[in-house]
PDB file of N, CA and C in Angstrom:
ATOM      1  N   UNK A   1       0.816  -1.192   0.000  1.00  0.00           N
ATOM      2  CA  UNK A   1       0.000   0.000   0.000  1.00  0.00           C
ATOM      3  C   UNK A   1       0.864   1.261   0.000  1.00  0.00           C
ATOM      4  N   UNK A   2       2.015   1.192   0.673  1.00  0.00           N
ATOM      5  CA  UNK A   2       2.927   2.338   0.688  1.00  0.00           C
ATOM      6  C   UNK A   2       3.393   2.685  -0.721  1.00  0.00           C
ATOM      7  N   UNK A   3       3.564   1.682  -1.549  1.00  0.00           N
ATOM      8  CA  UNK A   3       3.998   1.901  -2.929  1.00  0.00           C
ATOM      9  C   UNK A   3       2.924   2.654  -3.730  1.00  0.00           C
ATOM     10  N   UNK A   4       1.662   2.350  -3.447  1.00  0.00           N
ATOM     11  CA  UNK A   4       0.553   3.039  -4.117  1.00  0.00           C
ATOM     12  C   UNK A   4       0.550   4.513  -3.721  1.00  0.00           C
ATOM     13  N   UNK A   5       0.699   4.795  -2.421  1.00  0.00           N
ATOM     14  CA  UNK A   5       0.747   6.187  -1.953  1.00  0.00           C
ATOM     15  C   UNK A   5       1.936   6.933  -2.566  1.00  0.00           C
ATOM     16  N   UNK A   6       3.068   6.258  -2.638  1.00  0.00           N
ATOM     17  CA  UNK A   6       4.257   6.868  -3.227  1.00  0.00           C
ATOM     18  C   UNK A   6       4.006   7.200  -4.695  1.00  0.00           C
ATOM     19  N   UNK A   7       3.398   6.273  -5.412  1.00  0.00           N
ATOM     20  CA  UNK A   7       3.115   6.502  -6.836  1.00  0.00           C
ATOM     21  C   UNK A   7       2.127   7.654  -7.020  1.00  0.00           C
ATOM     22  N   UNK A   8       1.051   7.659  -6.248  1.00  0.00           N
ATOM     23  CA  UNK A   8       0.053   8.727  -6.350  1.00  0.00           C
ATOM     24  C   UNK A   8       0.655  10.085  -5.981  1.00  0.00           C
ATOM     25  N   UNK A   9       1.410  10.106  -4.920  1.00  0.00           N
ATOM     26  CA  UNK A   9       2.056  11.338  -4.462  1.00  0.00           C
ATOM     27  C   UNK A   9       3.019  11.863  -5.524  1.00  0.00           C
ATOM     28  N   UNK A  10       3.782  10.967  -6.106  1.00  0.00           N
ATOM     29  CA  UNK A  10       4.759  11.360  -7.123  1.00  0.00           C
ATOM     30  C   UNK A  10       4.073  11.868  -8.383  1.00  0.00           C
ATOM     31  N   UNK A  11       3.056  11.167  -8.844  1.00  0.00           N
ATOM     32  CA  UNK A  11       2.344  11.589 -10.058  1.00  0.00           C
ATOM     33  C   UNK A  11       1.680  12.945  -9.845  1.00  0.00           C
ATOM     34  N   UNK A  12       0.973  13.111  -8.732  1.00  0.00           N
ATOM     35  CA  UNK A  12       0.321  14.383  -8.428  1.00  0.00           C
ATOM     36  C   UNK A  12       1.350  15.506  -8.335  1.00  0.00           C
ATOM     37  N   UNK A  13       2.427  15.253  -7.638  1.00  0.00           N
ATOM     38  CA  UNK A  13       3.483  16.251  -7.508  1.00  0.00           C
ATOM     39  C   UNK A  13       4.099  16.614  -8.848  1.00  0.00           C
ATOM     40  N   UNK A  14       4.337  15.630  -9.697  1.00  0.00           N
ATOM     41  CA  UNK A  14       4.933  15.895 -11.003  1.00  0.00           C
ATOM     42  C   UNK A  14       3.994  16.671 -11.929  1.00  0.00           C
ATOM     43  N   UNK A  15       2.701  16.397 -11.843  1.00  0.00           N
ATOM     44  CA  UNK A  15       1.728  17.142 -12.652  1.00  0.00           C
ATOM     45  C   UNK A  15       1.768  18.621 -12.272  1.00  0.00           C
ATOM     46  N   UNK A  16       1.711  18.909 -10.980  1.00  0.00           N
ATOM     47  CA  UNK A  16       1.747  20.299 -10.529  1.00  0.00           C
ATOM     48  C   UNK A  16       3.120  20.938 -10.759  1.00  0.00           C
ATOM     49  N   UNK A  17       4.193  20.173 -10.578  1.00  0.00           N
ATOM     50  CA  UNK A  17       5.531  20.708 -10.812  1.00  0.00           C
ATOM     51  C   UNK A  17       5.719  21.075 -12.282  1.00  0.00           C
ATOM     52  N   UNK A  18       5.277  20.199 -13.179  1.00  0.00           N
ATOM     53  CA  UNK A  18       5.413  20.507 -14.609  1.00  0.00           C
ATOM     54  C   UNK A  18       4.593  21.731 -14.978  1.00  0.00           C
ATOM     55  N   UNK A  19       3.446  21.895 -14.341  1.00  0.00           N
ATOM     56  CA  UNK A  19       2.624  23.076 -14.570  1.00  0.00           C
ATOM     57  C   UNK A  19       3.339  24.334 -14.076  1.00  0.00           C
ATOM     58  N   UNK A  20       3.913  24.261 -12.893  1.00  0.00           N
ATOM     59  CA  UNK A  20       4.637  25.405 -12.339  1.00  0.00           C
ATOM     60  C   UNK A  20       5.826  25.794 -13.195  1.00  0.00           C
ATOM     61  N   UNK A  21       6.587  24.816 -13.645  1.00  0.00           N
ATOM     62  CA  UNK A  21       7.743  25.092 -14.502  1.00  0.00           C
ATOM     63  C   UNK A  21       7.288  25.714 -15.817  1.00  0.00           C
ATOM     64  N   UNK A  22       6.220  25.183 -16.377  1.00  0.00           N
ATOM     65  CA  UNK A  22       5.680  25.721 -17.628  1.00  0.00           C
ATOM     66  C   UNK A  22       5.242  27.175 -17.449  1.00  0.00           C
ATOM     67  N   UNK A  23       4.590  27.463 -16.340  1.00  0.00           N
ATOM     68  CA  UNK A  23       4.135  28.836 -16.067  1.00  0.00           C
ATOM     69  C   UNK A  23       5.316  29.779 -15.880  1.00  0.00           C
ATOM     70  N   UNK A  24       6.350  29.317 -15.160  1.00  0.00           N
ATOM     71  CA  UNK A  24       7.535  30.158 -14.970  1.00  0.00           C
ATOM     72  C   UNK A  24       8.225  30.449 -16.297  1.00  0.00           C
ATOM     73  N   UNK A  25       8.310  29.439 -17.154  1.00  0.00           N
ATOM     74  CA  UNK A  25       9.012  29.643 -18.424  1.00  0.00           C
ATOM     75  C   UNK A  25       8.205  30.482 -19.405  1.00  0.00           C
ATOM     76  N   UNK A  26       6.908  30.628 -19.163  1.00  0.00           N
ATOM     77  CA  UNK A  26       6.034  31.459 -20.003  1.00  0.00           C
ATOM     78  C   UNK A  26       5.238  32.423 -19.127  1.00  0.00           C
ATOM     79  N   UNK A  27       5.929  33.101 -18.204  1.00  0.00           N
ATOM     80  CA  UNK A  27       5.242  33.923 -17.205  1.00  0.00           C
ATOM     81  C   UNK A  27       4.400  35.030 -17.849  1.00  0.00           C
ATOM     82  N   UNK A  28       4.910  35.654 -18.890  1.00  0.00           N
ATOM     83  CA  UNK A  28       4.141  36.721 -19.544  1.00  0.00           C
ATOM     84  C   UNK A  28       2.820  36.177 -20.065  1.00  0.00           C
ATOM     85  N   UNK A  29       2.860  35.010 -20.678  1.00  0.00           N
ATOM     86  CA  UNK A  29       1.641  34.369 -21.177  1.00  0.00           C
ATOM     87  C   UNK A  29       0.719  34.005 -20.014  1.00  0.00           C
ATOM     88  N   UNK A  30       1.279  33.495 -18.927  1.00  0.00           N
ATOM     89  CA  UNK A  30       0.474  33.098 -17.779  1.00  0.00           C
ATOM     90  C   UNK A  30      -0.220  34.317 -17.160  1.00  0.00           C
ATOM     91  N   UNK A  31       0.508  35.415 -17.045  1.00  0.00           N
ATOM     92  CA  UNK A  31      -0.096  36.644 -16.510  1.00  0.00           C
ATOM     93  C   UNK A  31      -1.245  37.082 -17.409  1.00  0.00           C
ATOM     94  N   UNK A  32      -1.048  36.981 -18.731  1.00  0.00           N
ATOM     95  CA  UNK A  32      -2.116  37.317 -19.672  1.00  0.00           C
ATOM     96  C   UNK A  32      -3.339  36.435 -19.489  1.00  0.00           C
ATOM     97  N   UNK A  33      -3.114  35.155 -19.254  1.00  0.00           N
ATOM     98  CA  UNK A  33      -4.228  34.230 -19.031  1.00  0.00           C
ATOM     99  C   UNK A  33      -4.988  34.602 -17.761  1.00  0.00           C
ATOM    100  N   UNK A  34      -4.251  34.911 -16.690  1.00  0.00           N
ATOM    101  CA  UNK A  34      -4.894  35.310 -15.432  1.00  0.00           C
ATOM    102  C   UNK A  34      -5.735  36.567 -15.649  1.00  0.00           C
ATOM    103  N   UNK A  35      -5.225  37.520 -16.414  1.00  0.00           N
ATOM    104  CA  UNK A  35      -5.984  38.740 -16.712  1.00  0.00           C
ATOM    105  C   UNK A  35      -7.261  38.423 -17.479  1.00  0.00           C
ATOM    106  N   UNK A  36      -7.184  37.484 -18.431  1.00  0.00           N
ATOM    107  CA  UNK A  36      -8.346  37.137 -19.251  1.00  0.00           C
ATOM    108  C   UNK A  36      -9.454  36.475 -18.436  1.00  0.00           C
ATOM    109  N   UNK A  37      -9.101  35.896 -17.306  1.00  0.00           N
ATOM    110  CA  UNK A  37     -10.121  35.282 -16.442  1.00  0.00           C
ATOM    111  C   UNK A  37     -11.035  36.339 -15.826  1.00  0.00           C
ATOM    112  N   UNK A  38     -10.563  37.570 -15.738  1.00  0.00           N
ATOM    113  CA  UNK A  38     -11.341  38.710 -15.249  1.00  0.00           C
ATOM    114  C   UNK A  38     -11.954  38.452 -13.867  1.00  0.00           C
ATOM    115  N   UNK A  39     -11.163  37.853 -13.001  1.00  0.00           N
ATOM    116  CA  UNK A  39     -11.598  37.625 -11.628  1.00  0.00           C
ATOM    117  C   UNK A  39     -10.885  38.603 -10.698  1.00  0.00           C
ATOM    118  N   UNK A  40      -9.615  38.824 -10.964  1.00  0.00           N
ATOM    119  CA  UNK A  40      -8.822  39.770 -10.177  1.00  0.00           C
ATOM    120  C   UNK A  40      -8.722  41.100 -10.921  1.00  0.00           C
ATOM    121  N   UNK A  41      -8.511  42.184 -10.188  1.00  0.00           N
ATOM    122  CA  UNK A  41      -8.201  43.445 -10.870  1.00  0.00           C
ATOM    123  C   UNK A  41      -6.908  43.261 -11.683  1.00  0.00           C
ATOM    124  N   UNK A  42      -6.823  43.841 -12.877  1.00  0.00           N
ATOM    125  CA  UNK A  42      -5.649  43.640 -13.740  1.00  0.00           C
ATOM    126  C   UNK A  42      -4.307  43.927 -13.058  1.00  0.00           C
ATOM    127  N   UNK A  43      -4.265  44.909 -12.159  1.00  0.00           N
ATOM    128  CA  UNK A  43      -2.998  45.243 -11.509  1.00  0.00           C
ATOM    129  C   UNK A  43      -2.528  44.146 -10.547  1.00  0.00           C
ATOM    130  N   UNK A  44      -3.418  43.244 -10.154  1.00  0.00           N
ATOM    131  CA  UNK A  44      -3.041  42.144  -9.264  1.00  0.00           C
ATOM    132  C   UNK A  44      -2.660  40.867 -10.015  1.00  0.00           C
ATOM    133  N   UNK A  45      -2.844  40.855 -11.324  1.00  0.00           N
ATOM    134  CA  UNK A  45      -2.579  39.646 -12.104  1.00  0.00           C
ATOM    135  C   UNK A  45      -1.111  39.226 -12.023  1.00  0.00           C
ATOM    136  N   UNK A  46      -0.203  40.179 -12.145  1.00  0.00           N
ATOM    137  CA  UNK A  46       1.229  39.844 -12.105  1.00  0.00           C
ATOM    138  C   UNK A  46       1.645  39.314 -10.732  1.00  0.00           C
ATOM    139  N   UNK A  47       1.388  40.051  -9.627  1.00  0.00           N
ATOM    140  CA  UNK A  47       1.816  39.502  -8.335  1.00  0.00           C
ATOM    141  C   UNK A  47       1.131  38.182  -7.998  1.00  0.00           C
ATOM    142  N   UNK A  48      -0.156  38.054  -8.351  1.00  0.00           N
ATOM    143  CA  UNK A  48      -0.853  36.793  -8.100  1.00  0.00           C
ATOM    144  C   UNK A  48      -0.202  35.656  -8.879  1.00  0.00           C
ATOM    145  N   UNK A  49       0.091  35.886 -10.153  1.00  0.00           N
ATOM    146  CA  UNK A  49       0.678  34.845 -11.009  1.00  0.00           C
ATOM    147  C   UNK A  49       2.021  34.378 -10.471  1.00  0.00           C
ATOM    148  N   UNK A  50       2.852  35.311 -10.062  1.00  0.00           N
ATOM    149  CA  UNK A  50       4.170  34.950  -9.531  1.00  0.00           C
ATOM    150  C   UNK A  50       4.024  34.189  -8.219  1.00  0.00           C
ATOM    151  N   UNK A  51       3.178  34.680  -7.328  1.00  0.00           N
ATOM    152  CA  UNK A  51       2.976  34.032  -6.036  1.00  0.00           C
ATOM    153  C   UNK A  51       2.355  32.644  -6.201  1.00  0.00           C
ATOM    154  N   UNK A  52       1.338  32.562  -7.020  1.00  0.00           N
ATOM    155  CA  UNK A  52       0.642  31.285  -7.238  1.00  0.00           C
ATOM    156  C   UNK A  52       1.573  30.250  -7.862  1.00  0.00           C
ATOM    157  N   UNK A  53       2.372  30.654  -8.837  1.00  0.00           N
ATOM    158  CA  UNK A  53       3.286  29.725  -9.507  1.00  0.00           C
ATOM    159  C   UNK A  53       4.401  29.288  -8.561  1.00  0.00           C
ATOM    160  N   UNK A  54       4.918  30.207  -7.773  1.00  0.00           N
ATOM    161  CA  UNK A  54       5.954  29.868  -6.791  1.00  0.00           C
ATOM    162  C   UNK A  54       5.397  28.884  -5.758  1.00  0.00           C
ATOM    163  N   UNK A  55       4.222  29.179  -5.255  1.00  0.00           N
ATOM    164  CA  UNK A  55       3.550  28.328  -4.277  1.00  0.00           C
ATOM    165  C   UNK A  55       3.318  26.932  -4.854  1.00  0.00           C
ATOM    166  N   UNK A  56       2.773  26.878  -6.065  1.00  0.00           N
ATOM    167  CA  UNK A  56       2.494  25.597  -6.718  1.00  0.00           C
ATOM    168  C   UNK A  56       3.774  24.771  -6.868  1.00  0.00           C
ATOM    169  N   UNK A  57       4.850  25.414  -7.276  1.00  0.00           N
ATOM    170  CA  UNK A  57       6.110  24.711  -7.507  1.00  0.00           C
ATOM    171  C   UNK A  57       6.714  24.198  -6.200  1.00  0.00           C
ATOM    172  N   UNK A  58       6.773  25.039  -5.188  1.00  0.00           N
ATOM    173  CA  UNK A  58       7.363  24.639  -3.903  1.00  0.00           C
ATOM    174  C   UNK A  58       6.565  23.514  -3.255  1.00  0.00           C
ATOM    175  N   UNK A  59       5.245  23.662  -3.247  1.00  0.00           N
ATOM    176  CA  UNK A  59       4.412  22.648  -2.597  1.00  0.00           C
ATOM    177  C   UNK A  59       4.474  21.317  -3.353  1.00  0.00           C
ATOM    178  N   UNK A  60       4.544  21.355  -4.676  1.00  0.00           N
ATOM    179  CA  UNK A  60       4.647  20.106  -5.435  1.00  0.00           C
ATOM    180  C   UNK A  60       5.980  19.409  -5.159  1.00  0.00           C
ATOM    181  N   UNK A  61       7.053  20.179  -5.007  1.00  0.00           N
ATOM    182  CA  UNK A  61       8.354  19.590  -4.670  1.00  0.00           C
ATOM    183  C   UNK A  61       8.297  18.940  -3.281  1.00  0.00           C
ATOM    184  N   UNK A  62       7.660  19.613  -2.329  1.00  0.00           N
ATOM    185  CA  UNK A  62       7.508  19.031  -0.991  1.00  0.00           C
ATOM    186  C   UNK A  62       6.760  17.701  -1.059  1.00  0.00           C
ATOM    187  N   UNK A  63       5.719  17.654  -1.873  1.00  0.00           N
ATOM    188  CA  UNK A  63       4.945  16.419  -1.995  1.00  0.00           C
ATOM    189  C   UNK A  63       5.790  15.307  -2.610  1.00  0.00           C
ATOM    190  N   UNK A  64       6.522  15.625  -3.671  1.00  0.00           N
ATOM    191  CA  UNK A  64       7.368  14.619  -4.318  1.00  0.00           C
ATOM    192  C   UNK A  64       8.426  14.095  -3.346  1.00  0.00           C
ATOM    193  N   UNK A  65       9.001  14.992  -2.557  1.00  0.00           N
ATOM    194  CA  UNK A  65      10.042  14.594  -1.599  1.00  0.00           C
ATOM    195  C   UNK A  65       9.481  13.906  -0.353  1.00  0.00           C
ATOM    196  N   UNK A  66       8.155  13.919  -0.211  1.00  0.00           N
ATOM    197  CA  UNK A  66       7.538  13.271   0.940  1.00  0.00           C
ATOM    198  C   UNK A  66       7.604  14.099   2.207  1.00  0.00           C
ATOM    199  N   UNK A  67       7.742  15.411   2.038  1.00  0.00           N
ATOM    200  CA  UNK A  67       7.817  16.304   3.190  1.00  0.00           C
ATOM    201  C   UNK A  67       6.461  16.964   3.402  1.00  0.00           C
ATOM    202  N   UNK A  68       5.984  16.951   4.628  1.00  0.00           N
ATOM    203  CA  UNK A  68       4.696  17.571   4.968  1.00  0.00           C
ATOM    204  C   UNK A  68       3.601  17.073   4.018  1.00  0.00           C
ATOM    205  N   UNK A  69       3.498  15.777   3.876  1.00  0.00           N
ATOM    206  CA  UNK A  69       2.611  15.167   2.872  1.00  0.00           C
ATOM    207  C   UNK A  69       1.165  15.614   3.041  1.00  0.00           C
ATOM    208  N   UNK A  70       0.635  15.575   4.243  1.00  0.00           N
ATOM    209  CA  UNK A  70      -0.769  15.950   4.439  1.00  0.00           C
ATOM    210  C   UNK A  70      -0.988  17.425   4.111  1.00  0.00           C
ATOM    211  N   UNK A  71      -0.107  18.268   4.579  1.00  0.00           N
ATOM    212  CA  UNK A  71      -0.243  19.706   4.345  1.00  0.00           C
ATOM    213  C   UNK A  71      -0.061  20.024   2.864  1.00  0.00           C
ATOM    214  N   UNK A  72       0.970  19.463   2.246  1.00  0.00           N
ATOM    215  CA  UNK A  72       1.212  19.761   0.831  1.00  0.00           C
ATOM    216  C   UNK A  72       0.088  19.219  -0.050  1.00  0.00           C
ATOM    217  N   UNK A  73      -0.457  18.061   0.279  1.00  0.00           N
ATOM    218  CA  UNK A  73      -1.599  17.527  -0.477  1.00  0.00           C
ATOM    219  C   UNK A  73      -2.807  18.443  -0.348  1.00  0.00           C
ATOM    220  N   UNK A  74      -3.070  18.870   0.869  1.00  0.00           N
ATOM    221  CA  UNK A  74      -4.195  19.771   1.108  1.00  0.00           C
ATOM    222  C   UNK A  74      -4.006  21.093   0.357  1.00  0.00           C
ATOM    223  N   UNK A  75      -2.801  21.626   0.370  1.00  0.00           N
ATOM    224  CA  UNK A  75      -2.532  22.884  -0.328  1.00  0.00           C
ATOM    225  C   UNK A  75      -2.671  22.744  -1.841  1.00  0.00           C
ATOM    226  N   UNK A  76      -2.193  21.634  -2.406  1.00  0.00           N
ATOM    227  CA  UNK A  76      -2.335  21.430  -3.854  1.00  0.00           C
ATOM    228  C   UNK A  76      -3.800  21.236  -4.240  1.00  0.00           C
ATOM    229  N   UNK A  77      -4.545  20.521  -3.426  1.00  0.00           N
ATOM    230  CA  UNK A  77      -5.972  20.365  -3.721  1.00  0.00           C
ATOM    231  C   UNK A  77      -6.711  21.693  -3.547  1.00  0.00           C
ATOM    232  N   UNK A  78      -6.242  22.524  -2.626  1.00  0.00           N
ATOM    233  CA  UNK A  78      -6.824  23.871  -2.480  1.00  0.00           C
ATOM    234  C   UNK A  78      -6.564  24.695  -3.734  1.00  0.00           C
ATOM    235  N   UNK A  79      -5.352  24.609  -4.270  1.00  0.00           N
ATOM    236  CA  UNK A  79      -5.045  25.293  -5.533  1.00  0.00           C
ATOM    237  C   UNK A  79      -5.943  24.775  -6.651  1.00  0.00           C
ATOM    238  N   UNK A  80      -6.102  23.477  -6.711  1.00  0.00           N
ATOM    239  CA  UNK A  80      -6.962  22.880  -7.732  1.00  0.00           C
ATOM    240  C   UNK A  80      -8.394  23.386  -7.585  1.00  0.00           C
ATOM    241  N   UNK A  81      -8.856  23.551  -6.367  1.00  0.00           N
ATOM    242  CA  UNK A  81     -10.194  24.083  -6.110  1.00  0.00           C
ATOM    243  C   UNK A  81     -10.305  25.525  -6.625  1.00  0.00           C
ATOM    244  N   UNK A  82      -9.302  26.346  -6.332  1.00  0.00           N
ATOM    245  CA  UNK A  82      -9.296  27.735  -6.804  1.00  0.00           C
ATOM    246  C   UNK A  82      -9.311  27.780  -8.335  1.00  0.00           C
ATOM    247  N   UNK A  83      -8.488  26.944  -8.961  1.00  0.00           N
ATOM    248  CA  UNK A  83      -8.454  26.890 -10.427  1.00  0.00           C
ATOM    249  C   UNK A  83      -9.823  26.473 -10.972  1.00  0.00           C
ATOM    250  N   UNK A  84     -10.426  25.492 -10.343  1.00  0.00           N
ATOM    251  CA  UNK A  84     -11.730  24.995 -10.788  1.00  0.00           C
ATOM    252  C   UNK A  84     -12.800  26.073 -10.680  1.00  0.00           C
ATOM    253  N   UNK A  85     -12.803  26.814  -9.592  1.00  0.00           N
ATOM    254  CA  UNK A  85     -13.768  27.912  -9.419  1.00  0.00           C
ATOM    255  C   UNK A  85     -13.583  28.951 -10.523  1.00  0.00           C
ATOM    256  N   UNK A  86     -12.337  29.316 -10.807  1.00  0.00           N
ATOM    257  CA  UNK A  86     -12.064  30.275 -11.879  1.00  0.00           C
ATOM    258  C   UNK A  86     -12.572  29.795 -13.225  1.00  0.00           C
ATOM    259  N   UNK A  87     -12.376  28.527 -13.503  1.00  0.00           N
ATOM    260  CA  UNK A  87     -12.840  27.954 -14.766  1.00  0.00           C
ATOM    261  C   UNK A  87     -14.364  27.943 -14.814  1.00  0.00           C
ATOM    262  N   UNK A  88     -15.009  27.507 -13.744  1.00  0.00           N
ATOM    263  CA  UNK A  88     -16.474  27.446 -13.714  1.00  0.00           C
ATOM    264  C   UNK A  88     -17.082  28.838 -13.875  1.00  0.00           C
ATOM    265  N   UNK A  89     -16.527  29.829 -13.181  1.00  0.00           N
ATOM    266  CA  UNK A  89     -17.026  31.205 -13.299  1.00  0.00           C
ATOM    267  C   UNK A  89     -16.976  31.655 -14.754  1.00  0.00           C
ATOM    268  N   UNK A  90     -15.880  31.377 -15.440  1.00  0.00           N
ATOM    269  CA  UNK A  90     -15.756  31.801 -16.830  1.00  0.00           C
ATOM    270  C   UNK A  90     -16.638  30.982 -17.767  1.00  0.00           C
ATOM    271  N   UNK A  91     -16.846  29.724 -17.473  1.00  0.00           N
ATOM    272  CA  UNK A  91     -17.776  28.929 -18.287  1.00  0.00           C
ATOM    273  C   UNK A  91     -19.198  29.455 -18.136  1.00  0.00           C
ATOM    274  N   UNK A  92     -19.584  29.793 -16.927  1.00  0.00           N
ATOM    275  CA  UNK A  92     -20.925  30.351 -16.693  1.00  0.00           C
ATOM    276  C   UNK A  92     -21.074  31.682 -17.421  1.00  0.00           C
ATOM    277  N   UNK A  93     -20.015  32.468 -17.437  1.00  0.00           N
ATOM    278  CA  UNK A  93     -20.025  33.740 -18.168  1.00  0.00           C
ATOM    279  C   UNK A  93     -20.052  33.545 -19.682  1.00  0.00           C
ATOM    280  N   UNK A  94     -19.775  32.326 -20.126  1.00  0.00           N
ATOM    281  CA  UNK A  94     -19.708  32.048 -21.558  1.00  0.00           C
ATOM    282  C   UNK A  94     -18.366  32.404 -22.159  1.00  0.00           C
ATOM    283  N   UNK A  95     -17.384  32.634 -21.318  1.00  0.00           N
ATOM    284  CA  UNK A  95     -16.044  33.003 -21.755  1.00  0.00           C
ATOM    285  C   UNK A  95     -15.237  31.736 -22.030  1.00  0.00           C
ATOM    286  N   UNK A  96     -15.463  31.142 -23.205  1.00  0.00           N
ATOM    287  CA  UNK A  96     -14.793  29.886 -23.530  1.00  0.00           C
ATOM    288  C   UNK A  96     -13.613  30.074 -24.482  1.00  0.00           C
ATOM    289  N   UNK A  97     -13.402  31.282 -24.970  1.00  0.00           N
ATOM    290  CA  UNK A  97     -12.258  31.556 -25.838  1.00  0.00           C
ATOM    291  C   UNK A  97     -11.073  31.928 -24.954  1.00  0.00           C
ATOM    292  N   UNK A  98     -10.710  30.990 -24.090  1.00  0.00           N
ATOM    293  CA  UNK A  98      -9.733  31.239 -23.042  1.00  0.00           C
ATOM    294  C   UNK A  98      -9.043  29.931 -22.696  1.00  0.00           C
ATOM    295  N   UNK A  99      -7.743  29.999 -22.493  1.00  0.00           N
ATOM    296  CA  UNK A  99      -6.980  28.819 -22.117  1.00  0.00           C
ATOM    297  C   UNK A  99      -7.238  28.475 -20.651  1.00  0.00           C
ATOM    298  N   UNK A 100      -7.160  27.205 -20.343  1.00  0.00           N
ATOM    299  CA  UNK A 100      -7.289  26.800 -18.941  1.00  0.00           C
ATOM    300  C   UNK A 100      -6.101  27.287 -18.127  1.00  0.00           C
ATOM    301  N   UNK A 101      -4.968  27.500 -18.777  1.00  0.00           N
ATOM    302  CA  UNK A 101      -3.771  27.970 -18.085  1.00  0.00           C
ATOM    303  C   UNK A 101      -3.045  26.873 -17.334  1.00  0.00           C
ATOM    304  N   UNK A 102      -3.331  25.634 -17.658  1.00  0.00           N
ATOM    305  CA  UNK A 102      -2.748  24.508 -16.931  1.00  0.00           C
ATOM    306  C   UNK A 102      -1.255  24.354 -17.200  1.00  0.00           C
ATOM    307  N   UNK A 103      -0.896  24.279 -18.463  1.00  0.00           N
ATOM    308  CA  UNK A 103       0.499  24.082 -18.831  1.00  0.00           C
ATOM    309  C   UNK A 103       1.011  22.722 -18.412  1.00  0.00           C
ATOM    310  N   UNK A 104       2.315  22.530 -18.542  1.00  0.00           N
ATOM    311  CA  UNK A 104       2.952  21.287 -18.135  1.00  0.00           C
ATOM    312  C   UNK A 104       2.464  20.086 -18.920  1.00  0.00           C
ATOM    313  N   UNK A 105       2.462  18.933 -18.268  1.00  0.00           N
ATOM    314  CA  UNK A 105       2.057  17.697 -18.933  1.00  0.00           C
ATOM    315  C   UNK A 105       0.572  17.695 -19.278  1.00  0.00           C
ATOM    316  N   UNK A 106      -0.210  18.493 -18.577  1.00  0.00           N
ATOM    317  CA  UNK A 106      -1.652  18.572 -18.841  1.00  0.00           C
ATOM    318  C   UNK A 106      -1.919  19.419 -20.085  1.00  0.00           C
ATOM    319  N   UNK A 107      -1.016  20.330 -20.380  1.00  0.00           N
ATOM    320  CA  UNK A 107      -1.104  21.264 -21.519  1.00  0.00           C
ATOM    321  C   UNK A 107      -2.279  22.213 -21.347  1.00  0.00           C
ATOM    322  N   UNK A 108      -2.286  23.219 -22.214  1.00  0.00           N
ATOM    323  CA  UNK A 108      -3.361  24.202 -22.200  1.00  0.00           C
ATOM    324  C   UNK A 108      -4.469  23.786 -23.147  1.00  0.00           C
ATOM    325  N   UNK A 109      -5.690  24.014 -22.733  1.00  0.00           N
ATOM    326  CA  UNK A 109      -6.877  23.725 -23.537  1.00  0.00           C
ATOM    327  C   UNK A 109      -7.838  24.900 -23.395  1.00  0.00           C
ATOM    328  N   UNK A 110      -8.632  25.142 -24.408  1.00  0.00           N
ATOM    329  CA  UNK A 110      -9.682  26.155 -24.278  1.00  0.00           C
ATOM    330  C   UNK A 110     -10.740  25.646 -23.310  1.00  0.00           C
ATOM    331  N   UNK A 111     -11.343  26.565 -22.585  1.00  0.00           N
ATOM    332  CA  UNK A 111     -12.381  26.192 -21.625  1.00  0.00           C
ATOM    333  C   UNK A 111     -13.588  25.600 -22.350  1.00  0.00           C
ATOM    334  N   UNK A 112     -14.144  24.569 -21.764  1.00  0.00           N
ATOM    335  CA  UNK A 112     -15.311  23.914 -22.333  1.00  0.00           C
ATOM    336  C   UNK A 112     -15.968  23.070 -21.256  1.00  0.00           C
ATOM    337  N   UNK A 113     -17.284  22.904 -21.372  1.00  0.00           N
ATOM    338  CA  UNK A 113     -17.981  22.003 -20.455  1.00  0.00           C
ATOM    339  C   UNK A 113     -17.670  20.558 -20.810  1.00  0.00           C
ATOM    340  N   UNK A 114     -17.198  20.330 -22.024  1.00  0.00           N
ATOM    341  CA  UNK A 114     -16.859  18.978 -22.474  1.00  0.00           C
ATOM    342  C   UNK A 114     -15.386  18.705 -22.198  1.00  0.00           C
ATOM    343  N   UNK A 115     -15.050  17.435 -22.081  1.00  0.00           N
ATOM    344  CA  UNK A 115     -13.652  17.071 -21.917  1.00  0.00           C
ATOM    345  C   UNK A 115     -12.939  17.262 -23.246  1.00  0.00           C
ATOM    346  N   UNK A 116     -11.645  17.670 -23.193  1.00  0.00           N
ATOM    347  CA  UNK A 116     -10.906  17.863 -24.450  1.00  0.00           C
ATOM    348  C   UNK A 116     -10.660  16.551 -25.158  1.00  0.00           C
TER     349      UNK A 116
END
């Protein structure tokens, strides 16, 4: 059973880590995506993007390394919840000409109620 937890922890951590690295390497694009979500005031998009990407990357590394597993899992799922709320708000608004902003191994997709 420990092997299953290790595998799940590693996969989850790598998904978020690849997303964080992708966002850092394309920060200007990521900031633009955050602005297009129209949830935050435009002047907060840059600091939010940097903070969110840094947080995502650090917490995913902690999870992969097996440090603070419960806390890091909870924090990553909290991030996933925030991302999901942002996506749902924009889908309800009909704003589907917008990238999910996922990046990494998940890649970016336009918002849709259907699976890509």
